[in-house]
Each structure stands twice: as structure tokens, then as C-alpha cells.
PDB file of N, CA and C in Angstrom:
ATOM      1  N   MET A   1      81.133  37.555  23.727  1.00  0.00           N
ATOM      2  CA  MET A   1      79.985  36.769  24.127  1.00  0.00           C
ATOM      3  C   MET A   1      79.984  35.461  23.363  1.00  0.00           C
ATOM      4  N   SER A   2      79.709  34.494  24.083  1.00  0.00           N
ATOM      5  CA  SER A   2      79.638  33.183  23.448  1.00  0.00           C
ATOM      6  C   SER A   2      78.187  32.872  23.104  1.00  0.00           C
ATOM      7  N   SER A   3      78.018  32.320  21.976  1.00  0.00           N
ATOM      8  CA  SER A   3      76.646  31.984  21.581  1.00  0.00           C
ATOM      9  C   SER A   3      76.274  30.624  22.165  1.00  0.00           C
ATOM     10  N   VAL A   4      75.161  30.622  22.825  1.00  0.00           N
ATOM     11  CA  VAL A   4      74.677  29.392  23.446  1.00  0.00           C
ATOM     12  C   VAL A   4      73.520  28.872  22.600  1.00  0.00           C
ATOM     13  N   ARG A   5      73.681  27.679  22.181  1.00  0.00           N
ATOM     14  CA  ARG A   5      72.604  27.083  21.383  1.00  0.00           C
ATOM     15  C   ARG A   5      71.640  26.359  22.305  1.00  0.00           C
ATOM     16  N   VAL A   6      70.399  26.661  22.118  1.00  0.00           N
ATOM     17  CA  VAL A   6      69.363  25.992  22.895  1.00  0.00           C
ATOM     18  C   VAL A   6      68.661  25.022  21.950  1.00  0.00           C
ATOM     19  N   ALA A   7      68.645  23.798  22.356  1.00  0.00           N
ATOM     20  CA  ALA A   7      68.003  22.777  21.525  1.00  0.00           C
ATOM     21  C   ALA A   7      66.496  22.841  21.734  1.00  0.00           C
ATOM     22  N   VAL A   8      65.808  23.208  20.694  1.00  0.00           N
ATOM     23  CA  VAL A   8      64.347  23.237  20.750  1.00  0.00           C
ATOM     24  C   VAL A   8      63.862  21.918  20.177  1.00  0.00           C
ATOM     25  N   LYS A   9      63.138  21.198  21.000  1.00  0.00           N
ATOM     26  CA  LYS A   9      62.685  19.874  20.584  1.00  0.00           C
ATOM     27  C   LYS A   9      61.380  20.009  19.793  1.00  0.00           C
ATOM     28  N   ALA A  10      61.358  19.471  18.616  1.00  0.00           N
ATOM     29  CA  ALA A  10      60.143  19.481  17.798  1.00  0.00           C
ATOM     30  C   ALA A  10      59.156  18.478  18.382  1.00  0.00           C
ATOM     31  N   PRO A  11      57.857  18.759  18.238  1.00  0.00           N
ATOM     32  CA  PRO A  11      56.867  17.798  18.755  1.00  0.00           C
ATOM     33  C   PRO A  11      57.011  16.460  18.040  1.00  0.00           C
ATOM     34  N   ASP A  12      56.725  15.426  18.780  1.00  0.00           N
ATOM     35  CA  ASP A  12      56.849  14.078  18.217  1.00  0.00           C
ATOM     36  C   ASP A  12      55.951  13.930  16.996  1.00  0.00           C
ATOM     37  N   ALA A  13      56.464  13.293  16.001  1.00  0.00           N
ATOM     38  CA  ALA A  13      55.688  13.073  14.781  1.00  0.00           C
ATOM     39  C   ALA A  13      54.563  12.077  15.022  1.00  0.00           C
ATOM     40  N   VAL A  14      54.713  11.261  16.061  1.00  0.00           N
ATOM     41  CA  VAL A  14      53.714  10.236  16.334  1.00  0.00           C
ATOM     42  C   VAL A  14      52.504  10.827  17.040  1.00  0.00           C
ATOM     43  N   ALA A  15      52.684  11.865  17.824  1.00  0.00           N
ATOM     44  CA  ALA A  15      51.595  12.406  18.643  1.00  0.00           C
ATOM     45  C   ALA A  15      50.548  13.116  17.802  1.00  0.00           C
ATOM     46  N   TRP A  16      50.938  13.765  16.715  1.00  0.00           N
ATOM     47  CA  TRP A  16      49.988  14.575  15.954  1.00  0.00           C
ATOM     48  C   TRP A  16      48.844  13.749  15.341  1.00  0.00           C
ATOM     49  N   PRO A  17      49.099  12.635  14.678  1.00  0.00           N
ATOM     50  CA  PRO A  17      47.975  11.837  14.152  1.00  0.00           C
ATOM     51  C   PRO A  17      47.030  11.365  15.250  1.00  0.00           C
ATOM     52  N   TYR A  18      47.575  11.079  16.418  1.00  0.00           N
ATOM     53  CA  TYR A  18      46.716  10.628  17.514  1.00  0.00           C
ATOM     54  C   TYR A  18      45.774  11.740  17.945  1.00  0.00           C
ATOM     55  N   VAL A  19      46.304  12.974  18.046  1.00  0.00           N
ATOM     56  CA  VAL A  19      45.470  14.122  18.434  1.00  0.00           C
ATOM     57  C   VAL A  19      44.383  14.334  17.390  1.00  0.00           C
ATOM     58  N   GLU A  20      44.768  14.235  16.134  1.00  0.00           N
ATOM     59  CA  GLU A  20      43.800  14.391  15.050  1.00  0.00           C
ATOM     60  C   GLU A  20      42.716  13.313  15.130  1.00  0.00           C
ATOM     61  N   TYR A  21      43.149  12.101  15.389  1.00  0.00           N
ATOM     62  CA  TYR A  21      42.224  10.969  15.496  1.00  0.00           C
ATOM     63  C   TYR A  21      41.239  11.193  16.638  1.00  0.00           C
ATOM     64  N   MET A  22      41.747  11.647  17.792  1.00  0.00           N
ATOM     65  CA  MET A  22      40.867  11.871  18.946  1.00  0.00           C
ATOM     66  C   MET A  22      39.872  12.990  18.670  1.00  0.00           C
ATOM     67  N   ALA A  23      40.328  14.047  18.000  1.00  0.00           N
ATOM     68  CA  ALA A  23      39.426  15.157  17.673  1.00  0.00           C
ATOM     69  C   ALA A  23      38.320  14.668  16.743  1.00  0.00           C
ATOM     70  N   ARG A  24      38.694  13.853  15.756  1.00  0.00           N
ATOM     71  CA  ARG A  24      37.692  13.314  14.830  1.00  0.00           C
ATOM     72  C   ARG A  24      36.700  12.424  15.570  1.00  0.00           C
ATOM     73  N   TRP A  25      37.217  11.616  16.489  1.00  0.00           N
ATOM     74  CA  TRP A  25      36.369  10.723  17.279  1.00  0.00           C
ATOM     75  C   TRP A  25      35.373  11.519  18.115  1.00  0.00           C
ATOM     76  N   GLU A  26      35.839  12.598  18.756  1.00  0.00           N
ATOM     77  CA  GLU A  26      34.940  13.426  19.572  1.00  0.00           C
ATOM     78  C   GLU A  26      33.857  14.068  18.718  1.00  0.00           C
ATOM     79  N   ARG A  27      34.237  14.550  17.521  1.00  0.00           N
ATOM     80  CA  ARG A  27      33.234  15.133  16.620  1.00  0.00           C
ATOM     81  C   ARG A  27      32.187  14.100  16.229  1.00  0.00           C
ATOM     82  N   GLN A  28      32.646  12.877  15.969  1.00  0.00           N
ATOM     83  CA  GLN A  28      31.716  11.806  15.595  1.00  0.00           C
ATOM     84  C   GLN A  28      30.751  11.503  16.733  1.00  0.00           C
ATOM     85  N   VAL A  29      31.271  11.437  17.944  1.00  0.00           N
ATOM     86  CA  VAL A  29      30.431  11.146  19.109  1.00  0.00           C
ATOM     87  C   VAL A  29      29.394  12.241  19.277  1.00  0.00           C
ATOM     88  N   GLU A  30      29.814  13.510  19.126  1.00  0.00           N
ATOM     89  CA  GLU A  30      28.865  14.621  19.253  1.00  0.00           C
ATOM     90  C   GLU A  30      27.769  14.518  18.198  1.00  0.00           C
ATOM     91  N   ARG A  31      28.168  14.223  16.963  1.00  0.00           N
ATOM     92  CA  ARG A  31      27.167  14.090  15.890  1.00  0.00           C
ATOM     93  C   ARG A  31      26.188  12.966  16.194  1.00  0.00           C
ATOM     94  N   ARG A  32      26.716  11.849  16.667  1.00  0.00           N
ATOM     95  CA  ARG A  32      25.859  10.708  16.975  1.00  0.00           C
ATOM     96  C   ARG A  32      24.863  11.057  18.077  1.00  0.00           C
ATOM     97  N   GLN A  33      25.358  11.729  19.120  1.00  0.00           N
ATOM     98  CA  GLN A  33      24.471  12.107  20.226  1.00  0.00           C
ATOM     99  C   GLN A  33      23.389  13.059  19.749  1.00  0.00           C
ATOM    100  N   LEU A  34      23.776  14.029  18.906  1.00  0.00           N
ATOM    101  CA  LEU A  34      22.804  14.980  18.376  1.00  0.00           C
ATOM    102  C   LEU A  34      21.751  14.260  17.544  1.00  0.00           C
ATOM    103  N   PHE A  35      22.198  13.333  16.707  1.00  0.00           N
ATOM    104  CA  PHE A  35      21.256  12.576  15.879  1.00  0.00           C
ATOM    105  C   PHE A  35      20.292  11.778  16.744  1.00  0.00           C
ATOM    106  N   LEU A  36      20.830  11.077  17.752  1.00  0.00           N
ATOM    107  CA  LEU A  36      19.972  10.253  18.602  1.00  0.00           C
ATOM    108  C   LEU A  36      18.962  11.103  19.354  1.00  0.00           C
ATOM    109  N   ARG A  37      19.410  12.277  19.825  1.00  0.00           N
ATOM    110  CA  ARG A  37      18.490  13.167  20.529  1.00  0.00           C
ATOM    111  C   ARG A  37      17.354  13.592  19.609  1.00  0.00           C
ATOM    112  N   SER A  38      17.689  14.006  18.383  1.00  0.00           N
ATOM    113  CA  SER A  38      16.651  14.456  17.450  1.00  0.00           C
ATOM    114  C   SER A  38      15.763  13.287  17.034  1.00  0.00           C
ATOM    115  N   TYR A  39      16.342  12.097  16.895  1.00  0.00           N
ATOM    116  CA  TYR A  39      15.568  10.926  16.496  1.00  0.00           C
ATOM    117  C   TYR A  39      14.538  10.584  17.560  1.00  0.00           C
ATOM    118  N   HIS A  40      14.984  10.529  18.819  1.00  0.00           N
ATOM    119  CA  HIS A  40      14.042  10.210  19.897  1.00  0.00           C
ATOM    120  C   HIS A  40      12.984  11.289  20.031  1.00  0.00           C
ATOM    121  N   PHE A  41      13.375  12.536  19.803  1.00  0.00           N
ATOM    122  CA  PHE A  41      12.406  13.624  19.880  1.00  0.00           C
ATOM    123  C   PHE A  41      11.335  13.447  18.813  1.00  0.00           C
ATOM    124  N   SER A  42      11.751  13.087  17.600  1.00  0.00           N
ATOM    125  CA  SER A  42      10.774  12.929  16.520  1.00  0.00           C
ATOM    126  C   SER A  42       9.905  11.691  16.735  1.00  0.00           C
ATOM    127  N   ARG A  43      10.423  10.673  17.431  1.00  0.00           N
ATOM    128  CA  ARG A  43       9.628   9.473  17.689  1.00  0.00           C
ATOM    129  C   ARG A  43       8.570   9.718  18.758  1.00  0.00           C
ATOM    130  N   ASP A  44       8.822  10.709  19.621  1.00  0.00           N
ATOM    131  CA  ASP A  44       7.878  10.978  20.705  1.00  0.00           C
ATOM    132  C   ASP A  44       6.615  11.676  20.226  1.00  0.00           C
ATOM    133  N   VAL A  45       6.643  12.218  19.019  1.00  0.00           N
ATOM    134  CA  VAL A  45       5.490  12.956  18.511  1.00  0.00           C
ATOM    135  C   VAL A  45       4.321  11.993  18.346  1.00  0.00           C
ATOM    136  N   GLU A  46       3.151  12.428  18.771  1.00  0.00           N
ATOM    137  CA  GLU A  46       1.952  11.596  18.654  1.00  0.00           C
ATOM    138  C   GLU A  46       1.546  11.467  17.188  1.00  0.00           C
ATOM    139  N   LEU A  47       1.187  10.276  16.796  1.00  0.00           N
ATOM    140  CA  LEU A  47       0.715  10.053  15.435  1.00  0.00           C
ATOM    141  C   LEU A  47      -0.776  10.332  15.352  1.00  0.00           C
ATOM    142  N   SER A  48      -1.193  10.795  14.201  1.00  0.00           N
ATOM    143  CA  SER A  48      -2.627  10.976  14.000  1.00  0.00           C
ATOM    144  C   SER A  48      -3.262   9.591  13.890  1.00  0.00           C
ATOM    145  N   PRO A  49      -4.541   9.481  14.219  1.00  0.00           N
ATOM    146  CA  PRO A  49      -5.199   8.164  14.135  1.00  0.00           C
ATOM    147  C   PRO A  49      -5.107   7.550  12.732  1.00  0.00           C
ATOM    148  N   ARG A  50      -5.176   8.403  11.724  1.00  0.00           N
ATOM    149  CA  ARG A  50      -5.107   7.899  10.351  1.00  0.00           C
ATOM    150  C   ARG A  50      -3.722   7.306  10.054  1.00  0.00           C
ATOM    151  N   ALA A  51      -2.678   8.012  10.494  1.00  0.00           N
ATOM    152  CA  ALA A  51      -1.313   7.521  10.270  1.00  0.00           C
ATOM    153  C   ALA A  51      -1.076   6.236  11.048  1.00  0.00           C
ATOM    154  N   ARG A  52      -1.609   6.172  12.265  1.00  0.00           N
ATOM    155  CA  ARG A  52      -1.448   4.961  13.071  1.00  0.00           C
ATOM    156  C   ARG A  52      -2.139   3.779  12.398  1.00  0.00           C
ATOM    157  N   ALA A  53      -3.349   4.016  11.882  1.00  0.00           N
ATOM    158  CA  ALA A  53      -4.085   2.948  11.197  1.00  0.00           C
ATOM    159  C   ALA A  53      -3.322   2.484   9.954  1.00  0.00           C
ATOM    160  N   ARG A  54      -2.747   3.446   9.224  1.00  0.00           N
ATOM    161  CA  ARG A  54      -1.988   3.094   8.025  1.00  0.00           C
ATOM    162  C   ARG A  54      -0.785   2.222   8.387  1.00  0.00           C
ATOM    163  N   ARG A  55      -0.115   2.593   9.480  1.00  0.00           N
ATOM    164  CA  ARG A  55       1.050   1.814   9.907  1.00  0.00           C
ATOM    165  C   ARG A  55       0.645   0.397  10.298  1.00  0.00           C
ATOM    166  N   VAL A  56      -0.465   0.269  11.021  1.00  0.00           N
ATOM    167  CA  VAL A  56      -0.940  -1.050  11.448  1.00  0.00           C
ATOM    168  C   VAL A  56      -1.281  -1.910  10.237  1.00  0.00           C
ATOM    169  N   VAL A  57      -1.922  -1.309   9.240  1.00  0.00           N
ATOM    170  CA  VAL A  57      -2.301  -2.053   8.034  1.00  0.00           C
ATOM    171  C   VAL A  57      -1.054  -2.540   7.301  1.00  0.00           C
ATOM    172  N   TRP A  58      -0.051  -1.662   7.154  1.00  0.00           N
ATOM    173  CA  TRP A  58       1.173  -2.057   6.453  1.00  0.00           C
ATOM    174  C   TRP A  58       1.905  -3.172   7.176  1.00  0.00           C
ATOM    175  N   VAL A  59       1.949  -3.091   8.502  1.00  0.00           N
ATOM    176  CA  VAL A  59       2.614  -4.148   9.278  1.00  0.00           C
ATOM    177  C   VAL A  59       1.889  -5.475   9.071  1.00  0.00           C
ATOM    178  N   GLY A  60       0.547  -5.434   9.091  1.00  0.00           N
ATOM    179  CA  GLY A  60      -0.236  -6.651   8.870  1.00  0.00           C
ATOM    180  C   GLY A  60       0.002  -7.240   7.491  1.00  0.00           C
ATOM    181  N   LEU A  61       0.051  -6.373   6.478  1.00  0.00           N
ATOM    182  CA  LEU A  61       0.291  -6.856   5.114  1.00  0.00           C
ATOM    183  C   LEU A  61       1.677  -7.489   4.988  1.00  0.00           C
ATOM    184  N   ARG A  62       2.667  -6.874   5.653  1.00  0.00           N
ATOM    185  CA  ARG A  62       4.015  -7.439   5.615  1.00  0.00           C
ATOM    186  C   ARG A  62       4.045  -8.823   6.240  1.00  0.00           C
ATOM    187  N   ARG A  63       3.338  -8.961   7.366  1.00  0.00           N
ATOM    188  CA  ARG A  63       3.293 -10.270   8.038  1.00  0.00           C
ATOM    189  C   ARG A  63       2.621 -11.310   7.150  1.00  0.00           C
ATOM    190  N   LEU A  64       1.514 -10.927   6.508  1.00  0.00           N
ATOM    191  CA  LEU A  64       0.816 -11.855   5.615  1.00  0.00           C
ATOM    192  C   LEU A  64       1.718 -12.289   4.463  1.00  0.00           C
ATOM    193  N   ARG A  65       2.437 -11.327   3.905  1.00  0.00           N
ATOM    194  CA  ARG A  65       3.324 -11.643   2.788  1.00  0.00           C
ATOM    195  C   ARG A  65       4.407 -12.628   3.203  1.00  0.00           C
ATOM    196  N   ARG A  66       4.979 -12.382   4.392  1.00  0.00           N
ATOM    197  CA  ARG A  66       6.010 -13.296   4.893  1.00  0.00           C
ATOM    198  C   ARG A  66       5.444 -14.689   5.116  1.00  0.00           C
ATOM    199  N   ALA A  67       4.240 -14.743   5.717  1.00  0.00           N
ATOM    200  CA  ALA A  67       3.623 -16.042   5.997  1.00  0.00           C
ATOM    201  C   ALA A  67       3.333 -16.791   4.700  1.00  0.00           C
ATOM    202  N   ALA A  68       2.847 -16.063   3.686  1.00  0.00           N
ATOM    203  CA  ALA A  68       2.545 -16.705   2.404  1.00  0.00           C
ATOM    204  C   ALA A  68       3.819 -17.239   1.757  1.00  0.00           C
ATOM    205  N   ALA A  69       4.884 -16.446   1.805  1.00  0.00           N
ATOM    206  CA  ALA A  69       6.150 -16.887   1.206  1.00  0.00           C
ATOM    207  C   ALA A  69       6.684 -18.117   1.924  1.00  0.00           C
ATOM    208  N   THR A  70       6.593 -18.111   3.244  1.00  0.00           N
ATOM    209  CA  THR A  70       7.066 -19.262   4.019  1.00  0.00           C
ATOM    210  C   THR A  70       6.230 -20.493   3.700  1.00  0.00           C
ATOM    211  N   GLY A  71       4.911 -20.312   3.627  1.00  0.00           N
ATOM    212  CA  GLY A  71       4.022 -21.427   3.309  1.00  0.00           C
ATOM    213  C   GLY A  71       4.318 -22.012   1.941  1.00  0.00           C
ATOM    214  N   LEU A  72       4.544 -21.133   0.958  1.00  0.00           N
ATOM    215  CA  LEU A  72       4.855 -21.619  -0.391  1.00  0.00           C
ATOM    216  C   LEU A  72       6.177 -22.375  -0.418  1.00  0.00           C
ATOM    217  N   ARG A  73       7.162 -21.866   0.334  1.00  0.00           N
ATOM    218  CA  ARG A  73       8.449 -22.555   0.387  1.00  0.00           C
ATOM    219  C   ARG A  73       8.296 -23.940   0.988  1.00  0.00           C
ATOM    220  N   ARG A  74       7.515 -24.022   2.069  1.00  0.00           N
ATOM    221  CA  ARG A  74       7.307 -25.325   2.718  1.00  0.00           C
ATOM    222  C   ARG A  74       6.550 -26.277   1.795  1.00  0.00           C
ATOM    223  N   LEU A  75       5.527 -25.745   1.111  1.00  0.00           N
ATOM    224  CA  LEU A  75       4.748 -26.567   0.189  1.00  0.00           C
ATOM    225  C   LEU A  75       5.639 -27.092  -0.936  1.00  0.00           C
ATOM    226  N   ARG A  76       6.496 -26.239  -1.464  1.00  0.00           N
ATOM    227  CA  ARG A  76       7.404 -26.652  -2.534  1.00  0.00           C
ATOM    228  C   ARG A  76       8.340 -27.758  -2.059  1.00  0.00           C
ATOM    229  N   ALA A  77       8.850 -27.613  -0.829  1.00  0.00           N
ATOM    230  CA  ALA A  77       9.745 -28.639  -0.286  1.00  0.00           C
ATOM    231  C   ALA A  77       9.007 -29.960  -0.119  1.00  0.00           C
ATOM    232  N   ARG A  78       7.754 -29.881   0.343  1.00  0.00           N
ATOM    233  CA  ARG A  78       6.964 -31.094   0.536  1.00  0.00           C
ATOM    234  C   ARG A  78       6.687 -31.784  -0.797  1.00  0.00           C
ATOM    235  N   LEU A  79       6.348 -30.978  -1.804  1.00  0.00           N
ATOM    236  CA  LEU A  79       6.089 -31.547  -3.127  1.00  0.00           C
ATOM    237  C   LEU A  79       7.342 -32.192  -3.701  1.00  0.00           C
ATOM    238  N   ARG A  80       8.478 -31.568  -3.466  1.00  0.00           N
ATOM    239  CA  ARG A  80       9.730 -32.160  -3.941  1.00  0.00           C
ATOM    240  C   ARG A  80       9.982 -33.504  -3.287  1.00  0.00           C
ATOM    241  N   LEU A  81       9.678 -33.601  -1.995  1.00  0.00           N
ATOM    242  CA  LEU A  81       9.869 -34.875  -1.301  1.00  0.00           C
ATOM    243  C   LEU A  81       8.945 -35.945  -1.868  1.00  0.00           C
ATOM    244  N   CYS A  82       7.683 -35.552  -2.128  1.00  0.00           N
ATOM    245  CA  CYS A  82       6.703 -36.531  -2.608  1.00  0.00           C
ATOM    246  C   CYS A  82       6.962 -36.951  -4.049  1.00  0.00           C
ATOM    247  N   PHE A  83       7.358 -35.987  -4.888  1.00  0.00           N
ATOM    248  CA  PHE A  83       7.482 -36.271  -6.314  1.00  0.00           C
ATOM    249  C   PHE A  83       8.915 -36.148  -6.796  1.00  0.00           C
ATOM    250  N   ALA A  84       9.851 -36.618  -6.020  1.00  0.00           N
ATOM    251  CA  ALA A  84      11.268 -36.504  -6.393  1.00  0.00           C
ATOM    252  C   ALA A  84      11.571 -37.289  -7.659  1.00  0.00           C
ATOM    253  N   TRP A  85      10.890 -38.413  -7.851  1.00  0.00           N
ATOM    254  CA  TRP A  85      11.147 -39.236  -9.035  1.00  0.00           C
ATOM    255  C   TRP A  85      10.793 -38.500 -10.316  1.00  0.00           C
ATOM    256  N   VAL A  86       9.787 -37.626 -10.284  1.00  0.00           N
ATOM    257  CA  VAL A  86       9.386 -36.872 -11.472  1.00  0.00           C
ATOM    258  C   VAL A  86      10.499 -35.915 -11.869  1.00  0.00           C
ATOM    259  N   SER A  87      11.045 -35.203 -10.886  1.00  0.00           N
ATOM    260  CA  SER A  87      12.094 -34.238 -11.211  1.00  0.00           C
ATOM    261  C   SER A  87      13.348 -34.951 -11.692  1.00  0.00           C
ATOM    262  N   ARG A  88      13.632 -36.154 -11.169  1.00  0.00           N
ATOM    263  CA  ARG A  88      14.798 -36.903 -11.619  1.00  0.00           C
ATOM    264  C   ARG A  88      14.634 -37.326 -13.079  1.00  0.00           C
ATOM    265  N   ARG A  89      13.401 -37.739 -13.432  1.00  0.00           N
ATOM    266  CA  ARG A  89      13.151 -38.181 -14.796  1.00  0.00           C
ATOM    267  C   ARG A  89      13.312 -37.009 -15.773  1.00  0.00           C
ATOM    268  N   ARG A  90      12.850 -35.843 -15.369  1.00  0.00           N
ATOM    269  CA  ARG A  90      12.951 -34.677 -16.238  1.00  0.00           C
ATOM    270  C   ARG A  90      14.404 -34.242 -16.421  1.00  0.00           C
ATOM    271  N   ARG A  91      15.198 -34.412 -15.402  1.00  0.00           N
ATOM    272  CA  ARG A  91      16.570 -33.930 -15.430  1.00  0.00           C
ATOM    273  C   ARG A  91      17.421 -34.692 -16.448  1.00  0.00           C
ATOM    274  N   ARG A  92      17.023 -35.912 -16.802  1.00  0.00           N
ATOM    275  CA  ARG A  92      17.822 -36.708 -17.743  1.00  0.00           C
ATOM    276  C   ARG A  92      17.923 -36.034 -19.106  1.00  0.00           C
ATOM    277  N   GLY A  93      16.861 -35.376 -19.527  1.00  0.00           N
ATOM    278  CA  GLY A  93      16.851 -34.760 -20.850  1.00  0.00           C
ATOM    279  C   GLY A  93      17.553 -33.419 -20.899  1.00  0.00           C
ATOM    280  N   SER A  94      18.095 -32.948 -19.791  1.00  0.00           N
ATOM    281  CA  SER A  94      18.665 -31.606 -19.757  1.00  0.00           C
ATOM    282  C   SER A  94      19.969 -31.490 -20.531  1.00  0.00           C
ATOM    283  N   ARG A  95      20.622 -32.629 -20.849  1.00  0.00           N
ATOM    284  CA  ARG A  95      21.898 -32.525 -21.563  1.00  0.00           C
ATOM    285  C   ARG A  95      21.706 -32.167 -23.036  1.00  0.00           C
ATOM    286  N   PHE A  96      20.470 -32.249 -23.545  1.00  0.00           N
ATOM    287  CA  PHE A  96      20.207 -31.940 -24.943  1.00  0.00           C
ATOM    288  C   PHE A  96      19.792 -30.486 -25.148  1.00  0.00           C
ATOM    289  N   ARG A  97      19.816 -29.697 -24.106  1.00  0.00           N
ATOM    290  CA  ARG A  97      19.383 -28.303 -24.216  1.00  0.00           C
ATOM    291  C   ARG A  97      20.484 -27.417 -24.779  1.00  0.00           C
ATOM    292  N   TYR A  98      20.126 -26.174 -25.028  1.00  0.00           N
ATOM    293  CA  TYR A  98      21.045 -25.106 -25.412  1.00  0.00           C
ATOM    294  C   TYR A  98      21.737 -25.379 -26.748  1.00  0.00           C
ATOM    295  N   GLY A  99      21.033 -26.029 -27.690  1.00  0.00           N
ATOM    296  CA  GLY A  99      21.541 -26.196 -29.039  1.00  0.00           C
ATOM    297  C   GLY A  99      22.672 -27.190 -29.184  1.00  0.00           C
ATOM    298  N   ARG A 100      22.896 -28.022 -28.200  1.00  0.00           N
ATOM    299  CA  ARG A 100      23.952 -29.029 -28.327  1.00  0.00           C
ATOM    300  C   ARG A 100      23.461 -30.166 -29.214  1.00  0.00           C
ATOM    301  N   LEU A 101      24.366 -30.745 -29.939  1.00  0.00           N
ATOM    302  CA  LEU A 101      23.992 -31.898 -30.753  1.00  0.00           C
ATOM    303  C   LEU A 101      23.920 -33.123 -29.861  1.00  0.00           C
ATOM    304  N   SER A 102      22.895 -33.934 -30.072  1.00  0.00           N
ATOM    305  CA  SER A 102      22.772 -35.113 -29.223  1.00  0.00           C
ATOM    306  C   SER A 102      23.877 -36.096 -29.567  1.00  0.00           C
ATOM    307  N   GLY A 103      24.545 -36.591 -28.583  1.00  0.00           N
ATOM    308  CA  GLY A 103      25.595 -37.575 -28.773  1.00  0.00           C
ATOM    309  C   GLY A 103      26.943 -36.971 -29.106  1.00  0.00           C
ATOM    310  N   ALA A 104      27.010 -35.676 -29.316  1.00  0.00           N
ATOM    311  CA  ALA A 104      28.293 -35.054 -29.647  1.00  0.00           C
ATOM    312  C   ALA A 104      29.169 -35.033 -28.409  1.00  0.00           C
ATOM    313  N   GLY A 105      30.358 -35.555 -28.551  1.00  0.00           N
ATOM    314  CA  GLY A 105      31.290 -35.553 -27.432  1.00  0.00           C
ATOM    315  C   GLY A 105      31.097 -36.704 -26.476  1.00  0.00           C
ATOM    316  N   HIS A 106      30.131 -37.579 -26.761  1.00  0.00           N
ATOM    317  CA  HIS A 106      29.882 -38.731 -25.891  1.00  0.00           C
ATOM    318  C   HIS A 106      30.302 -40.004 -26.622  1.00  0.00           C
ATOM    319  N   ALA A 107      30.769 -40.961 -25.882  1.00  0.00           N
ATOM    320  CA  ALA A 107      31.158 -42.244 -26.474  1.00  0.00           C
ATOM    321  C   ALA A 107      29.910 -43.005 -26.910  1.00  0.00           C
ATOM    322  N   ALA A 108      30.050 -43.789 -27.954  1.00  0.00           N
ATOM    323  CA  ALA A 108      28.929 -44.599 -28.430  1.00  0.00           C
ATOM    324  C   ALA A 108      28.628 -45.676 -27.400  1.00  0.00           C
ATOM    325  N   PRO A 109      27.357 -46.029 -27.229  1.00  0.00           N
ATOM    326  CA  PRO A 109      27.035 -47.064 -26.244  1.00  0.00           C
ATOM    327  C   PRO A 109      27.646 -48.404 -26.645  1.00  0.00           C
ATOM    328  N   ALA A 110      28.073 -49.154 -25.661  1.00  0.00           N
ATOM    329  CA  ALA A 110      28.700 -50.460 -25.919  1.00  0.00           C
ATOM    330  C   ALA A 110      27.657 -51.441 -26.431  1.00  0.00           C
ATOM    331  N   ALA A 111      28.103 -52.388 -27.239  1.00  0.00           N
ATOM    332  CA  ALA A 111      27.199 -53.409 -27.769  1.00  0.00           C
ATOM    333  C   ALA A 111      26.684 -54.264 -26.620  1.00  0.00           C
ATOM    334  N   SER A 112      25.440 -54.679 -26.731  1.00  0.00           N
ATOM    335  CA  SER A 112      24.830 -55.472 -25.676  1.00  0.00           C
ATOM    336  C   SER A 112      25.393 -56.887 -25.675  1.00  0.00           C
ATOM    337  N   VAL A 113      25.579 -57.433 -24.509  1.00  0.00           N
ATOM    338  CA  VAL A 113      26.049 -58.814 -24.401  1.00  0.00           C
ATOM    339  C   VAL A 113      24.899 -59.763 -24.122  1.00  0.00           C
ATOM    340  N   CYS A 114      23.713 -59.216 -24.084  1.00  0.00           N
ATOM    341  CA  CYS A 114      22.540 -60.039 -23.806  1.00  0.00           C
ATOM    342  C   CYS A 114      22.014 -60.574 -25.145  1.00  0.00           C
ATOM    343  N   PHE A 115      21.918 -61.905 -25.315  1.00  0.00           N
ATOM    344  CA  PHE A 115      21.533 -62.483 -26.603  1.00  0.00           C
ATOM    345  C   PHE A 115      20.059 -62.840 -26.695  1.00  0.00           C
ATOM    346  N   TRP A 116      19.287 -62.692 -25.672  1.00  0.00           N
ATOM    347  CA  TRP A 116      17.870 -62.998 -25.826  1.00  0.00           C
ATOM    348  C   TRP A 116      16.996 -61.860 -25.437  1.00  0.00           C
TER     349      TRP A 116
END
């Protein structure tokens, strides 16, 4: 008897990661659908009047806070436009801060050429 060898082809190495990837993707989709279903179900529940009032109050307070912050920002910008010269004058003295010696590292001022 002659021995006949049958070539058994191994599965492609490329196909297995793809199958794994698709299985993971399907599991993710199922989880997402389950979450969305439960989320919508919980949103459909009627709120008690007290909880609804609390939510309305918090939303109103958030809006007021935003409006106040926006108003303050606008006011600050307007003040900067009106009093820009004040901030420029103050900024000149900033090089003497943080314990630096005045005039250290700076060239001495040139002698004046104006005689009167």
C-alpha cells in the first residue's frame, strides 16, 4: 500500500483576528442597545412635582450664573477698552518684580544730547 498524503490546509492567519474583531463589535453593539433601551426606559418615568421643581430651579440658577459670567466678561472687556492707558502705565513697573535688582542686566541710559 502506498501512503497518500493529504494536504490539510490550516486556516488563514489573517482571518482569525477579523472574526475576533467582528465578535467584539457585535458584543459592543448589543451592550449599547441594551444601555439605550434601559436609559430611555428610565427617562420615561414620571417625576414627582418636587423633583421637577428642583430641576427647574437648578436649570434657572445655571442660566443666571452663565449670564452673570458673560456680563462680567463683557464689562471687563469694555473697561479695558476705556482705560487701556492705565494698564499700560502699570505694566512698565513689572520688570522690577520677583526680587530682581533694578538695572541689573540692562545697559546704562545714554547721556542726553539736549543742552537746555
